[in-house]
């Protein structure tokens, strides 16, 4: 079985973890924390990095640091996963959905304006599967309307638009370092920003919002700290940053050639963009009579593991059933997101996938789609 994704640790990960263990710096202090934060922020082209325990933690820190609260609205794509939405809900603010773009699968920037109201305070974009959103248009809208922008770049480490890296364009960029991400620490997250006040606020909030003296609290904080052991892995990953990104780029190029001519819609890389192909996703052409589930099942029988695209958030029972007071309105029409959820899935996308494995996947797809 070719797994859908496995971590790739090609450098000093074990050496640095052993150092953290040998020196007994295993919790949320130690030299690797600072090194990881500064190194990853520099890689992104940002001034400050704030490490945390997960991608969701990063998103929640961002929404909390920006002061989102009950009565506020945040524009967000429906084609994403639940962490994006829940980070908004945690603050008391209400998510407002926008459909996906048919080419990039990211938020359709052209449909944002119609969703803005007097209560809109921010836009949370999601760079889907390695291709960035139309940040030029989104930042123009944000500037014109006085809105903050959070970039969910969990799937886009190293992706670029006109030379600017994902996470560095909005007010705060948020990353995940889960095991299947381009950079991994097993679990973990990071916020990057050029605003020193936002960075300080997020560092405070991730650690119970301790004041001076230590056990004074003026705000409700969280325990979103990253450990020095995880950061040690992160430092080693950042040392190989270009290698990690290039590996995923190579994956996308090789898949593109191997799958050419099959009844599939493949990922794009628009002019000015750099797609990092976090997961190599494909969408079944309408000419394919089999369902996505049938195709994925038959691929598994041939030793190829896959995963479905996101089920759009406006289809999730937890939001449709209004289980929380500030649940999003799920009544709109989001045809592109629904099409992607129905027809899309991604293929094995490990950074060290071999040419032979890619050919096996391509041949299996050809047989199943025939």
Protein backbone atom coordinates (compact mmCIF):
# COMPACT_ATOMS: atom_id res chain seq x y z
CA UNK A 1 0.00 0.00 0.00
CA UNK A 2 1.29 3.43 -0.94
CA UNK A 3 0.16 5.64 2.00
CA UNK A 4 -1.59 8.89 1.27
CA UNK A 5 1.13 10.78 3.14
CA UNK A 6 3.92 10.12 5.59
CA UNK A 7 6.33 12.53 7.32
CA UNK A 8 9.75 13.20 5.86
CA UNK A 9 12.60 13.91 8.29
CA UNK A 10 15.69 14.20 6.05
CA UNK A 11 18.03 16.18 8.32
CA UNK A 12 19.06 16.78 11.93
CA UNK A 13 15.69 15.98 13.52
CA UNK A 14 16.93 13.08 15.66
CA UNK A 15 20.16 14.87 16.61
CA UNK A 16 18.32 17.93 17.90
CA UNK A 17 15.65 15.90 19.71
CA UNK A 18 18.41 13.92 21.44
CA UNK A 19 20.02 17.22 22.48
CA UNK A 20 16.74 18.44 23.97
CA UNK A 21 16.39 15.17 25.88
CA UNK A 22 20.02 15.07 27.00
CA UNK A 23 19.88 18.64 28.33
CA UNK A 24 16.47 18.03 29.98
CA UNK A 25 14.81 20.92 28.11
CA UNK A 26 11.69 19.01 27.15
CA UNK A 27 8.83 21.40 27.90
CA UNK A 28 7.88 24.86 26.61
CA UNK A 29 11.24 26.54 27.20
CA UNK A 30 14.61 25.93 25.58
CA UNK A 31 16.78 27.22 22.77
CA UNK A 32 14.96 25.37 20.00
CA UNK A 33 11.73 27.32 20.63
CA UNK A 34 13.38 30.66 19.80
CA UNK A 35 15.36 29.17 16.91
CA UNK A 36 12.27 27.64 15.37
CA UNK A 37 10.18 30.80 15.70
CA UNK A 38 12.82 33.10 14.25
CA UNK A 39 13.88 30.65 11.53
CA UNK A 40 10.39 29.90 10.30
CA UNK A 41 9.36 33.58 10.40
CA UNK A 42 12.42 34.46 8.31
CA UNK A 43 11.57 31.71 5.83
CA UNK A 44 8.08 33.21 5.45
CA UNK A 45 9.40 36.74 5.06
CA UNK A 46 7.82 37.86 8.35
CA UNK A 47 9.38 39.60 11.35
CA UNK A 48 7.89 37.56 14.18
CA UNK A 49 6.97 33.93 14.80
CA UNK A 50 4.81 32.63 17.65
CA UNK A 51 4.89 28.86 18.01
CA UNK A 52 1.97 26.93 19.47
CA UNK A 53 0.57 23.45 19.91
CA UNK A 54 -1.45 23.06 16.68
CA UNK A 55 -2.79 24.71 13.57
CA UNK A 56 -6.12 25.23 15.32
CA UNK A 57 -4.24 26.83 18.21
CA UNK A 58 -2.58 29.21 15.75
CA UNK A 59 -5.92 30.19 14.23
CA UNK A 60 -7.50 30.69 17.64
CA UNK A 61 -4.57 32.82 18.83
CA UNK A 62 -4.94 34.96 15.70
CA UNK A 63 -8.68 35.50 16.12
CA UNK A 64 -8.27 36.24 19.84
CA UNK A 65 -5.35 38.63 19.33
CA UNK A 66 -7.39 40.60 16.81
CA UNK A 67 -10.13 41.00 19.41
CA UNK A 68 -12.94 39.25 17.55
CA UNK A 69 -16.04 38.92 19.70
CA UNK A 70 -19.77 38.21 19.80
CA UNK A 71 -21.62 40.18 17.12
CA UNK A 72 -18.61 40.32 14.79
CA UNK A 73 -18.60 38.52 11.44
CA UNK A 74 -15.68 36.91 9.65
CA UNK A 75 -15.68 36.08 5.92
CA UNK A 76 -14.37 32.53 5.40
CA UNK A 77 -14.50 29.85 2.66
CA UNK A 78 -16.94 27.00 3.03
CA UNK A 79 -14.44 24.73 1.24
CA UNK A 80 -12.10 24.16 4.17
CA UNK A 81 -11.94 22.01 7.29
CA UNK A 82 -13.54 22.57 10.66
CA UNK A 83 -10.56 24.13 12.45
CA UNK A 84 -10.90 27.27 10.33
CA UNK A 85 -14.52 27.72 11.32
CA UNK A 86 -14.14 26.67 14.95
CA UNK A 87 -11.36 29.19 15.59
CA UNK A 88 -13.86 31.92 14.72
CA UNK A 89 -16.69 30.35 16.72
CA UNK A 90 -14.47 30.12 19.83
CA UNK A 91 -14.31 33.94 19.97
CA UNK A 92 -18.09 34.38 19.78
CA UNK A 93 -17.87 35.82 16.26
CA UNK A 94 -19.90 34.35 13.39
CA UNK A 95 -18.38 32.81 10.25
CA UNK A 96 -19.87 33.95 6.92
CA UNK A 97 -19.32 31.55 4.03
CA UNK A 98 -17.98 32.23 0.53
CA UNK A 99 -17.89 29.69 -2.31
CA UNK A 100 -14.71 28.30 -3.88
CA UNK A 101 -13.02 29.36 -7.11
CA UNK A 102 -13.35 26.66 -9.79
CA UNK A 103 -9.74 26.95 -10.97
CA UNK A 104 -7.73 27.20 -7.74
CA UNK A 105 -10.28 25.67 -5.31
CA UNK A 106 -9.51 28.55 -2.92
CA UNK A 107 -11.97 31.20 -1.75
CA UNK A 108 -13.54 33.06 -4.70
CA UNK A 109 -12.32 36.61 -4.10
CA UNK A 110 -14.97 37.93 -6.47
CA UNK A 111 -17.73 36.81 -4.12
CA UNK A 112 -16.43 38.45 -0.94
CA UNK A 113 -17.88 41.94 -1.39
CA UNK A 114 -21.49 40.71 -1.41
CA UNK A 115 -20.96 39.04 1.98
CA UNK A 116 -19.62 42.10 3.80
CA UNK A 117 -21.95 43.82 6.30
CA UNK A 118 -21.55 46.49 8.96
CA UNK A 119 -20.59 43.68 11.35
CA UNK A 120 -17.75 42.27 9.24
CA UNK A 121 -14.42 42.63 11.02
CA UNK A 122 -12.07 40.24 9.23
CA UNK A 123 -11.47 37.91 6.29
CA UNK A 124 -9.95 34.50 6.96
CA UNK A 125 -8.52 33.05 3.76
CA UNK A 126 -7.44 29.43 3.29
CA UNK A 127 -4.69 28.56 0.83
CA UNK A 128 -6.08 25.22 -0.32
CA UNK A 129 -3.86 22.21 -1.04
CA UNK A 130 -0.80 24.37 -1.75
CA UNK A 131 -2.12 27.11 -4.09
CA UNK A 132 -2.57 30.58 -2.65
CA UNK A 133 -5.75 32.66 -2.79
CA UNK A 134 -6.05 35.83 -4.86
CA UNK A 135 -4.42 37.88 -2.12
CA UNK A 136 -4.05 41.01 -4.27
CA UNK A 137 -7.83 41.35 -4.62
CA UNK A 138 -8.48 40.28 -1.03
CA UNK A 139 -6.02 42.79 0.44
CA UNK A 140 -7.53 45.58 -1.69
CA UNK A 141 -10.98 44.73 -0.32
CA UNK A 142 -9.64 44.57 3.23
CA UNK A 143 -7.91 47.93 2.93
CA UNK A 144 -10.96 49.56 1.40
CA UNK A 145 -13.33 48.18 4.05
CA UNK A 146 -10.98 48.43 7.03
CA UNK A 147 -10.88 44.67 7.64
CA UNK A 148 -8.20 42.47 9.18
CA UNK A 149 -6.89 39.47 7.21
CA UNK A 150 -5.88 36.10 8.66
CA UNK A 151 -4.16 33.64 6.34
CA UNK A 152 -4.77 29.97 7.08
CA UNK A 153 -1.60 28.71 5.42
CA UNK A 154 -1.64 25.26 7.05
CA UNK A 155 -1.46 23.65 3.59
CA UNK A 156 0.84 26.13 1.89
CA UNK A 157 4.30 26.25 3.52
CA UNK A 158 6.50 27.99 0.97
CA UNK A 159 3.75 28.80 -1.54
CA UNK A 160 4.14 32.19 -3.19
CA UNK A 161 2.29 34.96 -4.99
CA UNK A 162 4.48 37.41 -6.90
CA UNK A 163 7.44 36.44 -4.73
CA UNK A 164 5.61 36.86 -1.40
CA UNK A 165 5.22 33.74 0.69
CA UNK A 166 1.96 32.44 2.11
CA UNK A 167 1.31 33.78 5.58
CA UNK A 168 3.31 36.99 5.11
CA UNK A 169 0.70 39.12 3.32
CA UNK A 170 -2.21 39.43 5.78
CA UNK A 171 -2.11 40.68 9.36
CA UNK A 172 -1.38 37.19 10.72
CA UNK A 173 -0.42 33.97 8.95
CA UNK A 174 -1.24 30.64 10.59
CA UNK A 175 0.47 27.30 9.99
CA UNK A 176 0.08 23.68 11.06
CA UNK A 177 2.96 21.25 11.54
CA UNK A 178 0.87 18.08 11.70
CA UNK A 179 2.60 14.92 10.44
CA UNK A 180 1.32 15.25 6.86
CA UNK A 181 2.32 18.89 6.40
CA UNK A 182 5.25 20.02 4.24
CA UNK A 183 7.07 21.07 7.42
CA UNK A 184 6.22 18.88 10.41
CA UNK A 185 6.88 18.68 14.13
CA UNK A 186 4.40 15.81 14.61
CA UNK A 187 1.88 18.22 16.08
CA UNK A 188 2.32 21.95 16.33
CA UNK A 189 1.54 25.34 14.84
CA UNK A 190 2.89 28.83 14.23
CA UNK A 191 1.60 32.35 13.77
CA UNK A 192 3.73 34.81 11.79
CA UNK A 193 3.22 38.56 11.67
CA UNK A 194 5.03 41.85 11.09
CA UNK A 195 3.17 43.50 13.99
CA UNK A 196 5.15 43.36 17.23
CA UNK A 197 2.07 44.12 19.37
CA UNK A 198 0.13 41.23 17.83
CA UNK A 199 3.12 38.93 18.34
CA UNK A 200 3.41 39.92 22.00
CA UNK A 201 -0.33 39.46 22.51
CA UNK A 202 -0.31 35.98 20.98
CA UNK A 203 2.72 34.95 23.08
CA UNK A 204 0.86 36.07 26.18
CA UNK A 205 -2.41 34.37 25.24
CA UNK A 206 -0.76 31.02 24.42
CA UNK A 207 0.57 30.85 28.01
CA UNK A 208 -2.54 31.44 30.14
CA UNK A 209 -2.25 35.23 29.65
CA UNK A 210 0.15 35.51 32.57
CA UNK A 211 1.00 39.07 33.56
CA UNK A 212 3.72 40.43 35.86
CA UNK A 213 3.73 39.24 38.61
CA UNK A 214 3.18 35.78 37.11
CA UNK A 215 -0.11 34.75 38.68
CA UNK A 216 -2.00 37.90 37.72
CA UNK A 217 -4.46 37.53 34.80
CA UNK A 218 -6.21 40.41 33.02
CA UNK A 219 -7.46 38.25 30.15
CA UNK A 220 -8.60 34.69 29.58
CA UNK A 221 -5.65 32.83 28.08
CA UNK A 222 -4.99 29.35 26.71
CA UNK A 223 -2.42 26.60 27.02
CA UNK A 224 -1.19 26.47 23.43
CA UNK A 225 2.54 26.10 24.09
CA UNK A 226 4.87 24.09 21.85
CA UNK A 227 7.49 21.89 23.49
CA UNK A 228 11.23 22.27 22.97
CA UNK A 229 11.28 18.67 21.67
CA UNK A 230 8.81 19.54 18.91
CA UNK A 231 10.67 22.77 18.18
CA UNK A 232 13.89 20.77 17.82
CA UNK A 233 12.27 18.84 14.97
CA UNK A 234 11.05 22.14 13.54
CA UNK A 235 14.52 23.67 13.54
CA UNK A 236 15.83 20.71 11.54
CA UNK A 237 12.93 21.03 9.11
CA UNK A 238 13.58 24.76 8.57
CA UNK A 239 17.23 23.97 7.83
CA UNK A 240 15.95 21.93 4.89
CA UNK A 241 13.17 24.36 3.95
CA UNK A 242 13.94 24.64 0.25
CA UNK A 243 14.49 20.88 -0.02
CA UNK A 244 11.09 20.18 1.55
CA UNK A 245 9.29 22.65 -0.70
CA UNK A 246 11.13 21.49 -3.83
CA UNK A 247 10.17 17.89 -3.11
CA UNK A 248 6.46 18.73 -3.12
CA UNK A 249 6.89 20.87 -6.24
CA UNK A 250 8.58 17.94 -7.95
CA UNK A 251 5.73 15.70 -6.86
CA UNK A 252 3.23 18.02 -8.56
CA UNK A 253 5.23 18.19 -11.79
CA UNK A 254 5.69 14.41 -12.00
CA UNK A 255 2.02 13.71 -11.29
CA UNK A 256 1.01 16.27 -13.91
CA UNK A 257 2.96 14.40 -16.58
CA UNK A 258 1.93 10.92 -15.42
CA UNK A 259 -1.81 11.72 -15.30
CA UNK A 260 -2.01 13.71 -18.53
CA UNK A 261 -4.86 12.53 -20.73
CA UNK A 262 -6.89 10.88 -17.98
CA UNK A 263 -10.47 12.13 -17.36
CA UNK A 264 -9.36 14.17 -14.36
CA UNK A 265 -9.16 17.86 -13.51
CA UNK A 266 -5.66 18.45 -12.17
CA UNK A 267 -4.32 21.22 -9.93
CA UNK A 268 -3.35 24.50 -11.57
CA UNK A 269 -0.54 26.97 -11.02
CA UNK A 270 -1.73 30.37 -12.17
CA UNK A 271 0.67 32.99 -13.48
CA UNK A 272 2.54 34.69 -10.65
CA UNK A 273 1.81 31.86 -8.21
CA UNK A 274 3.98 29.07 -6.83
CA UNK A 275 1.95 25.99 -5.98
CA UNK A 276 3.58 23.68 -3.43
CA UNK A 277 1.14 20.78 -3.92
CA UNK A 278 0.69 19.95 -0.23
CA UNK A 279 -1.69 17.24 -1.34
CA UNK A 280 -1.97 16.38 -5.01
CA UNK A 281 -5.70 16.60 -5.53
CA UNK A 282 -7.72 15.52 -8.55
CA UNK A 283 -11.35 16.03 -9.52
CA UNK A 284 -13.26 13.45 -11.54
CA UNK A 285 -14.36 14.68 -14.94
CA UNK A 286 -18.12 14.57 -15.58
CA UNK A 287 -17.48 11.86 -18.18
CA UNK A 288 -16.52 9.40 -15.41
CA UNK A 289 -19.54 7.24 -14.59
CA UNK A 290 -18.15 5.88 -11.31
CA UNK A 291 -18.60 7.78 -8.08
CA UNK A 292 -15.62 9.16 -6.20
CA UNK A 293 -16.17 6.56 -3.50
CA UNK A 294 -16.07 3.74 -6.06
CA UNK A 295 -12.86 5.07 -7.58
CA UNK A 296 -11.18 5.47 -4.18
CA UNK A 297 -12.26 1.97 -3.11
CA UNK A 298 -10.90 0.36 -6.29
CA UNK A 299 -7.64 2.27 -5.94
CA UNK A 300 -7.26 0.94 -2.41
CA UNK A 301 -7.69 -2.59 -3.72
CA UNK A 302 -4.76 -1.85 -6.04
CA UNK A 303 -2.57 -0.64 -3.17
CA UNK A 304 -3.12 3.11 -3.53
CA UNK A 305 -4.33 5.01 -0.48
CA UNK A 306 -6.38 8.20 -1.03
CA UNK A 307 -8.39 10.76 0.93
CA UNK A 308 -11.54 12.67 0.06
CA UNK A 309 -11.56 16.40 -0.44
CA UNK A 310 -13.18 18.49 2.28
CA UNK A 311 -16.91 18.17 2.82
CA UNK A 312 -17.99 21.84 2.65
CA UNK A 313 -18.65 23.47 5.99
CA UNK A 314 -22.20 24.54 5.07
CA UNK A 315 -23.01 20.81 4.88
CA UNK A 316 -21.75 19.98 8.39
CA UNK A 317 -24.48 18.89 10.86
CA UNK A 318 -22.82 20.73 13.75
CA UNK A 319 -23.41 24.05 11.95
CA UNK A 320 -26.59 23.22 10.05
CA UNK A 321 -28.28 22.16 13.31
CA UNK A 322 -27.20 25.40 15.04
CA UNK A 323 -25.62 23.59 17.97
CA UNK A 324 -23.91 26.85 18.97
CA UNK A 325 -25.42 30.32 19.15
CA UNK A 326 -23.00 31.84 16.62
CA UNK A 327 -23.16 29.01 14.08
CA UNK A 328 -22.82 30.18 10.46
CA UNK A 329 -25.78 30.54 8.13
CA UNK A 330 -25.69 27.39 5.97
CA UNK A 331 -28.61 28.21 3.69
CA UNK A 332 -26.72 29.75 0.77
CA UNK A 333 -25.74 28.21 -2.57
CA UNK A 334 -22.15 27.04 -2.87
CA UNK A 335 -22.09 25.00 -6.05
CA UNK A 336 -18.32 24.91 -6.61
CA UNK A 337 -17.55 23.79 -3.06
CA UNK A 338 -20.21 21.08 -3.37
CA UNK A 339 -18.79 19.95 -6.71
CA UNK A 340 -15.30 19.70 -5.23
CA UNK A 341 -16.60 17.80 -2.20
CA UNK A 342 -18.48 15.36 -4.43
CA UNK A 343 -15.84 14.76 -7.11
CA UNK A 344 -12.47 15.53 -5.51
CA UNK A 345 -9.90 13.42 -3.70
CA UNK A 346 -6.17 13.45 -3.25
CA UNK A 347 -3.50 10.95 -4.14
CA UNK A 348 -0.43 9.76 -2.21
CA UNK A 349 1.60 12.91 -1.62
CA UNK A 350 4.59 12.07 0.58
CA UNK A 351 7.58 14.30 -0.10
CA UNK A 352 9.82 11.31 -0.83
CA UNK A 353 7.41 9.57 -3.23
CA UNK A 354 9.45 7.78 -5.90
CA UNK A 355 8.97 7.82 -9.66
CA UNK A 356 8.01 4.15 -9.47
CA UNK A 357 5.30 4.86 -6.92
CA UNK A 358 3.91 7.72 -9.02
CA UNK A 359 3.78 5.43 -12.04
CA UNK A 360 1.99 2.79 -9.96
CA UNK A 361 -0.61 5.37 -8.90
CA UNK A 362 -1.04 6.59 -12.49
CA UNK A 363 -1.44 3.07 -13.85
CA UNK A 364 -3.95 2.17 -11.12
CA UNK A 365 -5.97 5.30 -11.91
CA UNK A 366 -5.92 4.51 -15.61
CA UNK A 367 -7.24 0.99 -14.99
CA UNK A 368 -9.94 2.15 -12.58
CA UNK A 369 -11.13 4.98 -14.83
CA UNK A 370 -11.31 2.76 -17.90
